Amino acid sequence: MALVVFADEANDLGQLEDCARMMYMHYAWHNVPTWLIGPQYCGGPIPQRRANVLQVWPQHGPLESLRPEEFNPRIEALATQHCK
């Protein structure tokens, strides 16, 4: 299980960090891996567009620029582990 928060207004690290602070009580209470995802940027087909992704729980990770095909396997791995 995981929590993915789409922060459509968060265009940079500072704005994602602001969102993380506002959401802290929520994701700390649920105590599951949590990522914040900003809006897609760059042109091209939607599957190739990148978004800023920030893991905030249980450990704070670095800001990453990922396409869906790069992020989705992380969630799929968590789902596989959870549903055993």
PDB file of N, CA and C in Angstrom:
ATOM      1  N   MET A   1       0.838  -1.156   0.000  1.00  0.00           N
ATOM      2  CA  MET A   1       0.000   0.000   0.000  1.00  0.00           C
ATOM      3  C   MET A   1       0.896   1.235   0.000  1.00  0.00           C
ATOM      4  N   ALA A   2       0.414   2.298  -0.636  1.00  0.00           N
ATOM      5  CA  ALA A   2       1.172   3.549  -0.727  1.00  0.00           C
ATOM      6  C   ALA A   2       0.192   4.705  -0.858  1.00  0.00           C
ATOM      7  N   LEU A   3       0.704   5.888  -0.658  1.00  0.00           N
ATOM      8  CA  LEU A   3      -0.077   7.108  -0.836  1.00  0.00           C
ATOM      9  C   LEU A   3       0.634   7.948  -1.889  1.00  0.00           C
ATOM     10  N   VAL A   4      -0.094   8.307  -2.934  1.00  0.00           N
ATOM     11  CA  VAL A   4       0.435   9.159  -3.995  1.00  0.00           C
ATOM     12  C   VAL A   4      -0.420  10.415  -4.024  1.00  0.00           C
ATOM     13  N   VAL A   5       0.212  11.558  -3.817  1.00  0.00           N
ATOM     14  CA  VAL A   5      -0.491  12.841  -3.778  1.00  0.00           C
ATOM     15  C   VAL A   5      -0.120  13.618  -5.033  1.00  0.00           C
ATOM     16  N   PHE A   6      -1.113  13.980  -5.816  1.00  0.00           N
ATOM     17  CA  PHE A   6      -0.883  14.781  -7.016  1.00  0.00           C
ATOM     18  C   PHE A   6      -0.998  16.255  -6.643  1.00  0.00           C
ATOM     19  N   ALA A   7       0.120  16.937  -6.656  1.00  0.00           N
ATOM     20  CA  ALA A   7       0.204  18.347  -6.285  1.00  0.00           C
ATOM     21  C   ALA A   7       0.259  19.167  -7.575  1.00  0.00           C
ATOM     22  N   ASP A   8      -0.894  19.387  -8.172  1.00  0.00           N
ATOM     23  CA  ASP A   8      -0.974  20.015  -9.492  1.00  0.00           C
ATOM     24  C   ASP A   8      -0.439  21.443  -9.542  1.00  0.00           C
ATOM     25  N   GLU A   9      -0.352  22.103  -8.407  1.00  0.00           N
ATOM     26  CA  GLU A   9       0.124  23.492  -8.380  1.00  0.00           C
ATOM     27  C   GLU A   9       1.598  23.593  -7.997  1.00  0.00           C
ATOM     28  N   ALA A  10       2.229  22.473  -7.682  1.00  0.00           N
ATOM     29  CA  ALA A  10       3.614  22.484  -7.199  1.00  0.00           C
ATOM     30  C   ALA A  10       4.575  22.314  -8.373  1.00  0.00           C
ATOM     31  N   ASN A  11       5.148  23.405  -8.823  1.00  0.00           N
ATOM     32  CA  ASN A  11       6.000  23.394 -10.012  1.00  0.00           C
ATOM     33  C   ASN A  11       7.492  23.263  -9.735  1.00  0.00           C
ATOM     34  N   ASP A  12       7.885  23.289  -8.460  1.00  0.00           N
ATOM     35  CA  ASP A  12       9.310  23.170  -8.143  1.00  0.00           C
ATOM     36  C   ASP A  12       9.479  22.533  -6.767  1.00  0.00           C
ATOM     37  N   LEU A  13      10.726  22.315  -6.372  1.00  0.00           N
ATOM     38  CA  LEU A  13      11.010  21.652  -5.105  1.00  0.00           C
ATOM     39  C   LEU A  13      10.413  22.404  -3.924  1.00  0.00           C
ATOM     40  N   GLY A  14      10.531  23.725  -3.907  1.00  0.00           N
ATOM     41  CA  GLY A  14       9.998  24.505  -2.796  1.00  0.00           C
ATOM     42  C   GLY A  14       8.499  24.318  -2.631  1.00  0.00           C
ATOM     43  N   GLN A  15       7.779  24.305  -3.736  1.00  0.00           N
ATOM     44  CA  GLN A  15       6.331  24.127  -3.671  1.00  0.00           C
ATOM     45  C   GLN A  15       5.962  22.699  -3.271  1.00  0.00           C
ATOM     46  N   LEU A  16       6.735  21.707  -3.715  1.00  0.00           N
ATOM     47  CA  LEU A  16       6.486  20.335  -3.265  1.00  0.00           C
ATOM     48  C   LEU A  16       6.761  20.202  -1.768  1.00  0.00           C
ATOM     49  N   GLU A  17       7.810  20.863  -1.280  1.00  0.00           N
ATOM     50  CA  GLU A  17       8.111  20.843   0.154  1.00  0.00           C
ATOM     51  C   GLU A  17       6.991  21.509   0.953  1.00  0.00           C
ATOM     52  N   ASP A  18       6.431  22.601   0.442  1.00  0.00           N
ATOM     53  CA  ASP A  18       5.295  23.244   1.110  1.00  0.00           C
ATOM     54  C   ASP A  18       4.120  22.282   1.209  1.00  0.00           C
ATOM     55  N   CYS A  19       3.840  21.581   0.127  1.00  0.00           N
ATOM     56  CA  CYS A  19       2.761  20.593   0.117  1.00  0.00           C
ATOM     57  C   CYS A  19       3.054  19.481   1.124  1.00  0.00           C
ATOM     58  N   ALA A  20       4.304  19.048   1.178  1.00  0.00           N
ATOM     59  CA  ALA A  20       4.694  17.998   2.127  1.00  0.00           C
ATOM     60  C   ALA A  20       4.441  18.440   3.558  1.00  0.00           C
ATOM     61  N   ARG A  21       4.756  19.686   3.877  1.00  0.00           N
ATOM     62  CA  ARG A  21       4.517  20.189   5.229  1.00  0.00           C
ATOM     63  C   ARG A  21       3.024  20.218   5.545  1.00  0.00           C
ATOM     64  N   MET A  22       2.216  20.648   4.584  1.00  0.00           N
ATOM     65  CA  MET A  22       0.766  20.719   4.813  1.00  0.00           C
ATOM     66  C   MET A  22       0.144  19.328   4.958  1.00  0.00           C
ATOM     67  N   MET A  23       0.712  18.339   4.286  1.00  0.00           N
ATOM     68  CA  MET A  23       0.158  16.983   4.291  1.00  0.00           C
ATOM     69  C   MET A  23       0.761  16.088   5.378  1.00  0.00           C
ATOM     70  N   TYR A  24       1.732  16.600   6.126  1.00  0.00           N
ATOM     71  CA  TYR A  24       2.503  15.757   7.045  1.00  0.00           C
ATOM     72  C   TYR A  24       1.633  14.917   7.976  1.00  0.00           C
ATOM     73  N   MET A  25       0.688  15.521   8.650  1.00  0.00           N
ATOM     74  CA  MET A  25      -0.141  14.781   9.609  1.00  0.00           C
ATOM     75  C   MET A  25      -0.879  13.639   8.926  1.00  0.00           C
ATOM     76  N   HIS A  26      -1.299  13.847   7.696  1.00  0.00           N
ATOM     77  CA  HIS A  26      -2.052  12.830   6.964  1.00  0.00           C
ATOM     78  C   HIS A  26      -1.173  11.626   6.630  1.00  0.00           C
ATOM     79  N   TYR A  27      -0.016  11.861   6.011  1.00  0.00           N
ATOM     80  CA  TYR A  27       0.786  10.709   5.612  1.00  0.00           C
ATOM     81  C   TYR A  27       1.518  10.078   6.786  1.00  0.00           C
ATOM     82  N   ALA A  28       1.831  10.836   7.823  1.00  0.00           N
ATOM     83  CA  ALA A  28       2.444  10.240   9.010  1.00  0.00           C
ATOM     84  C   ALA A  28       1.450   9.327   9.722  1.00  0.00           C
ATOM     85  N   TRP A  29       0.178   9.724   9.757  1.00  0.00           N
ATOM     86  CA  TRP A  29      -0.856   8.914  10.407  1.00  0.00           C
ATOM     87  C   TRP A  29      -1.070   7.600   9.659  1.00  0.00           C
ATOM     88  N   HIS A  30      -1.092   7.657   8.334  1.00  0.00           N
ATOM     89  CA  HIS A  30      -1.296   6.445   7.538  1.00  0.00           C
ATOM     90  C   HIS A  30      -0.059   5.544   7.561  1.00  0.00           C
ATOM     91  N   ASN A  31       1.119   6.138   7.716  1.00  0.00           N
ATOM     92  CA  ASN A  31       2.375   5.402   7.844  1.00  0.00           C
ATOM     93  C   ASN A  31       2.605   4.414   6.694  1.00  0.00           C
ATOM     94  N   VAL A  32       2.422   4.900   5.484  1.00  0.00           N
ATOM     95  CA  VAL A  32       2.709   4.109   4.282  1.00  0.00           C
ATOM     96  C   VAL A  32       3.642   4.934   3.394  1.00  0.00           C
ATOM     97  N   PRO A  33       4.405   4.297   2.521  1.00  0.00           N
ATOM     98  CA  PRO A  33       5.265   5.064   1.618  1.00  0.00           C
ATOM     99  C   PRO A  33       4.451   6.118   0.863  1.00  0.00           C
ATOM    100  N   THR A  34       4.977   7.336   0.833  1.00  0.00           N
ATOM    101  CA  THR A  34       4.229   8.458   0.259  1.00  0.00           C
ATOM    102  C   THR A  34       5.106   9.254  -0.695  1.00  0.00           C
ATOM    103  N   TRP A  35       4.529   9.571  -1.847  1.00  0.00           N
ATOM    104  CA  TRP A  35       5.187  10.404  -2.859  1.00  0.00           C
ATOM    105  C   TRP A  35       4.284  11.565  -3.216  1.00  0.00           C
ATOM    106  N   LEU A  36       4.892  12.703  -3.477  1.00  0.00           N
ATOM    107  CA  LEU A  36       4.192  13.855  -4.042  1.00  0.00           C
ATOM    108  C   LEU A  36       4.619  13.967  -5.499  1.00  0.00           C
ATOM    109  N   ILE A  37       3.647  14.189  -6.371  1.00  0.00           N
ATOM    110  CA  ILE A  37       3.934  14.297  -7.799  1.00  0.00           C
ATOM    111  C   ILE A  37       3.409  15.629  -8.305  1.00  0.00           C
ATOM    112  N   GLY A  38       4.297  16.423  -8.878  1.00  0.00           N
ATOM    113  CA  GLY A  38       3.914  17.707  -9.459  1.00  0.00           C
ATOM    114  C   GLY A  38       3.304  17.517 -10.838  1.00  0.00           C
ATOM    115  N   PRO A  39       2.923  18.619 -11.480  1.00  0.00           N
ATOM    116  CA  PRO A  39       2.318  18.524 -12.811  1.00  0.00           C
ATOM    117  C   PRO A  39       3.333  18.058 -13.858  1.00  0.00           C
ATOM    118  N   GLN A  40       2.822  17.458 -14.909  1.00  0.00           N
ATOM    119  CA  GLN A  40       3.687  17.040 -16.012  1.00  0.00           C
ATOM    120  C   GLN A  40       4.246  18.273 -16.709  1.00  0.00           C
ATOM    121  N   TYR A  41       5.442  18.135 -17.229  1.00  0.00           N
ATOM    122  CA  TYR A  41       6.036  19.208 -18.019  1.00  0.00           C
ATOM    123  C   TYR A  41       6.727  18.596 -19.226  1.00  0.00           C
ATOM    124  N   CYS A  42       7.188  19.394 -20.102  1.00  0.00           N
ATOM    125  CA  CYS A  42       7.778  18.995 -21.387  1.00  0.00           C
ATOM    126  C   CYS A  42       6.663  18.623 -22.351  1.00  0.00           C
ATOM    127  N   GLY A  43       7.001  18.652 -23.600  1.00  0.00           N
ATOM    128  CA  GLY A  43       6.032  18.300 -24.625  1.00  0.00           C
ATOM    129  C   GLY A  43       6.079  16.825 -24.945  1.00  0.00           C
ATOM    130  N   GLY A  44       5.376  16.483 -25.979  1.00  0.00           N
ATOM    131  CA  GLY A  44       5.367  15.103 -26.428  1.00  0.00           C
ATOM    132  C   GLY A  44       4.164  14.340 -25.922  1.00  0.00           C
ATOM    133  N   PRO A  45       4.105  13.074 -26.275  1.00  0.00           N
ATOM    134  CA  PRO A  45       2.993  12.237 -25.833  1.00  0.00           C
ATOM    135  C   PRO A  45       2.946  12.143 -24.308  1.00  0.00           C
ATOM    136  N   ILE A  46       1.762  12.033 -23.760  1.00  0.00           N
ATOM    137  CA  ILE A  46       1.592  12.009 -22.305  1.00  0.00           C
ATOM    138  C   ILE A  46       2.462  10.952 -21.629  1.00  0.00           C
ATOM    139  N   PRO A  47       2.567   9.726 -22.139  1.00  0.00           N
ATOM    140  CA  PRO A  47       3.401   8.734 -21.442  1.00  0.00           C
ATOM    141  C   PRO A  47       4.882   9.108 -21.358  1.00  0.00           C
ATOM    142  N   GLN A  48       5.325  10.045 -22.190  1.00  0.00           N
ATOM    143  CA  GLN A  48       6.738  10.431 -22.181  1.00  0.00           C
ATOM    144  C   GLN A  48       6.997  11.717 -21.400  1.00  0.00           C
ATOM    145  N   ARG A  49       5.947  12.357 -20.928  1.00  0.00           N
ATOM    146  CA  ARG A  49       6.129  13.603 -20.181  1.00  0.00           C
ATOM    147  C   ARG A  49       6.638  13.303 -18.776  1.00  0.00           C
ATOM    148  N   ARG A  50       7.499  14.160 -18.318  1.00  0.00           N
ATOM    149  CA  ARG A  50       8.077  14.008 -16.982  1.00  0.00           C
ATOM    150  C   ARG A  50       7.297  14.838 -15.965  1.00  0.00           C
ATOM    151  N   ALA A  51       7.449  14.448 -14.709  1.00  0.00           N
ATOM    152  CA  ALA A  51       6.906  15.217 -13.592  1.00  0.00           C
ATOM    153  C   ALA A  51       7.917  15.146 -12.459  1.00  0.00           C
ATOM    154  N   ASN A  52       7.941  16.179 -11.628  1.00  0.00           N
ATOM    155  CA  ASN A  52       8.777  16.148 -10.439  1.00  0.00           C
ATOM    156  C   ASN A  52       8.122  15.231  -9.417  1.00  0.00           C
ATOM    157  N   VAL A  53       8.917  14.334  -8.853  1.00  0.00           N
ATOM    158  CA  VAL A  53       8.432  13.345  -7.891  1.00  0.00           C
ATOM    159  C   VAL A  53       9.302  13.443  -6.647  1.00  0.00           C
ATOM    160  N   LEU A  54       8.646  13.512  -5.484  1.00  0.00           N
ATOM    161  CA  LEU A  54       9.364  13.640  -4.219  1.00  0.00           C
ATOM    162  C   LEU A  54       8.815  12.627  -3.226  1.00  0.00           C
ATOM    163  N   GLN A  55       9.664  11.682  -2.796  1.00  0.00           N
ATOM    164  CA  GLN A  55       9.238  10.766  -1.739  1.00  0.00           C
ATOM    165  C   GLN A  55       9.375  11.495  -0.410  1.00  0.00           C
ATOM    166  N   VAL A  56       8.314  11.445   0.409  1.00  0.00           N
ATOM    167  CA  VAL A  56       8.327  12.168   1.676  1.00  0.00           C
ATOM    168  C   VAL A  56       8.156  11.260   2.894  1.00  0.00           C
ATOM    169  N   TRP A  57       7.797   9.983   2.694  1.00  0.00           N
ATOM    170  CA  TRP A  57       7.608   9.073   3.827  1.00  0.00           C
ATOM    171  C   TRP A  57       7.870   7.655   3.374  1.00  0.00           C
ATOM    172  N   PRO A  58       8.496   6.792   4.122  1.00  0.00           N
ATOM    173  CA  PRO A  58       8.986   6.969   5.488  1.00  0.00           C
ATOM    174  C   PRO A  58      10.303   7.735   5.537  1.00  0.00           C
ATOM    175  N   GLN A  59      10.993   7.793   4.408  1.00  0.00           N
ATOM    176  CA  GLN A  59      12.207   8.593   4.332  1.00  0.00           C
ATOM    177  C   GLN A  59      12.018   9.669   3.282  1.00  0.00           C
ATOM    178  N   HIS A  60      12.629  10.792   3.533  1.00  0.00           N
ATOM    179  CA  HIS A  60      12.574  11.892   2.576  1.00  0.00           C
ATOM    180  C   HIS A  60      13.623  11.624   1.506  1.00  0.00           C
ATOM    181  N   GLY A  61      13.201  11.605   0.255  1.00  0.00           N
ATOM    182  CA  GLY A  61      14.126  11.333  -0.840  1.00  0.00           C
ATOM    183  C   GLY A  61      14.456  12.587  -1.625  1.00  0.00           C
ATOM    184  N   PRO A  62      15.332  12.459  -2.593  1.00  0.00           N
ATOM    185  CA  PRO A  62      15.680  13.600  -3.444  1.00  0.00           C
ATOM    186  C   PRO A  62      14.578  13.865  -4.468  1.00  0.00           C
ATOM    187  N   LEU A  63      14.545  15.063  -4.986  1.00  0.00           N
ATOM    188  CA  LEU A  63      13.621  15.391  -6.068  1.00  0.00           C
ATOM    189  C   LEU A  63      14.069  14.637  -7.315  1.00  0.00           C
ATOM    190  N   GLU A  64      13.112  13.971  -7.959  1.00  0.00           N
ATOM    191  CA  GLU A  64      13.411  13.225  -9.179  1.00  0.00           C
ATOM    192  C   GLU A  64      12.490  13.703 -10.288  1.00  0.00           C
ATOM    193  N   SER A  65      12.969  13.667 -11.494  1.00  0.00           N
ATOM    194  CA  SER A  65      12.179  13.980 -12.676  1.00  0.00           C
ATOM    195  C   SER A  65      11.920  12.658 -13.391  1.00  0.00           C
ATOM    196  N   LEU A  66      10.672  12.169 -13.315  1.00  0.00           N
ATOM    197  CA  LEU A  66      10.374  10.830 -13.809  1.00  0.00           C
ATOM    198  C   LEU A  66       9.213  10.818 -14.791  1.00  0.00           C
ATOM    199  N   ARG A  67       9.277   9.876 -15.714  1.00  0.00           N
ATOM    200  CA  ARG A  67       8.150   9.572 -16.592  1.00  0.00           C
ATOM    201  C   ARG A  67       7.307   8.503 -15.894  1.00  0.00           C
ATOM    202  N   PRO A  68       6.038   8.358 -16.273  1.00  0.00           N
ATOM    203  CA  PRO A  68       5.205   7.328 -15.642  1.00  0.00           C
ATOM    204  C   PRO A  68       5.849   5.941 -15.671  1.00  0.00           C
ATOM    205  N   GLU A  69       6.492   5.589 -16.783  1.00  0.00           N
ATOM    206  CA  GLU A  69       7.096   4.255 -16.887  1.00  0.00           C
ATOM    207  C   GLU A  69       8.261   4.062 -15.920  1.00  0.00           C
ATOM    208  N   GLU A  70       8.817   5.162 -15.409  1.00  0.00           N
ATOM    209  CA  GLU A  70       9.900   5.071 -14.433  1.00  0.00           C
ATOM    210  C   GLU A  70       9.372   5.016 -13.003  1.00  0.00           C
ATOM    211  N   PHE A  71       8.221   5.634 -12.757  1.00  0.00           N
ATOM    212  CA  PHE A  71       7.662   5.670 -11.406  1.00  0.00           C
ATOM    213  C   PHE A  71       6.747   4.485 -11.118  1.00  0.00           C
ATOM    214  N   ASN A  72       5.934   4.090 -12.075  1.00  0.00           N
ATOM    215  CA  ASN A  72       4.936   3.044 -11.852  1.00  0.00           C
ATOM    216  C   ASN A  72       5.502   1.737 -11.306  1.00  0.00           C
ATOM    217  N   PRO A  73       6.675   1.274 -11.736  1.00  0.00           N
ATOM    218  CA  PRO A  73       7.201   0.028 -11.165  1.00  0.00           C
ATOM    219  C   PRO A  73       7.406   0.082  -9.646  1.00  0.00           C
ATOM    220  N   ARG A  74       7.674   1.245  -9.107  1.00  0.00           N
ATOM    221  CA  ARG A  74       7.829   1.372  -7.651  1.00  0.00           C
ATOM    222  C   ARG A  74       6.515   1.047  -6.948  1.00  0.00           C
ATOM    223  N   ILE A  75       5.427   1.591  -7.476  1.00  0.00           N
ATOM    224  CA  ILE A  75       4.116   1.344  -6.883  1.00  0.00           C
ATOM    225  C   ILE A  75       3.708  -0.112  -7.096  1.00  0.00           C
ATOM    226  N   GLU A  76       3.982  -0.633  -8.276  1.00  0.00           N
ATOM    227  CA  GLU A  76       3.647  -2.031  -8.563  1.00  0.00           C
ATOM    228  C   GLU A  76       4.397  -2.974  -7.625  1.00  0.00           C
ATOM    229  N   ALA A  77       5.655  -2.683  -7.323  1.00  0.00           N
ATOM    230  CA  ALA A  77       6.429  -3.519  -6.400  1.00  0.00           C
ATOM    231  C   ALA A  77       5.824  -3.483  -5.002  1.00  0.00           C
ATOM    232  N   LEU A  78       5.394  -2.313  -4.547  1.00  0.00           N
ATOM    233  CA  LEU A  78       4.754  -2.215  -3.237  1.00  0.00           C
ATOM    234  C   LEU A  78       3.447  -2.996  -3.207  1.00  0.00           C
ATOM    235  N   ALA A  79       2.668  -2.903  -4.275  1.00  0.00           N
ATOM    236  CA  ALA A  79       1.396  -3.629  -4.341  1.00  0.00           C
ATOM    237  C   ALA A  79       1.642  -5.132  -4.320  1.00  0.00           C
ATOM    238  N   THR A  80       2.654  -5.585  -5.027  1.00  0.00           N
ATOM    239  CA  THR A  80       2.974  -7.014  -5.053  1.00  0.00           C
ATOM    240  C   THR A  80       3.370  -7.503  -3.666  1.00  0.00           C
ATOM    241  N   GLN A  81       4.185  -6.722  -2.960  1.00  0.00           N
ATOM    242  CA  GLN A  81       4.606  -7.097  -1.605  1.00  0.00           C
ATOM    243  C   GLN A  81       3.426  -7.096  -0.646  1.00  0.00           C
ATOM    244  N   HIS A  82       2.547  -6.126  -0.796  1.00  0.00           N
ATOM    245  CA  HIS A  82       1.412  -5.979   0.119  1.00  0.00           C
ATOM    246  C   HIS A  82       0.386  -7.092  -0.073  1.00  0.00           C
ATOM    247  N   CYS A  83       0.195  -7.531  -1.294  1.00  0.00           N
ATOM    248  CA  CYS A  83      -0.881  -8.475  -1.617  1.00  0.00           C
ATOM    249  C   CYS A  83      -0.441  -9.932  -1.566  1.00  0.00           C
ATOM    250  N   LYS A  84       0.638 -10.240  -0.872  1.00  0.00           N
ATOM    251  CA  LYS A  84       1.098 -11.636  -0.775  1.00  0.00           C
ATOM    252  C   LYS A  84       0.198 -12.433   0.131  1.00  0.00           C
TER     253      LYS A  84
END
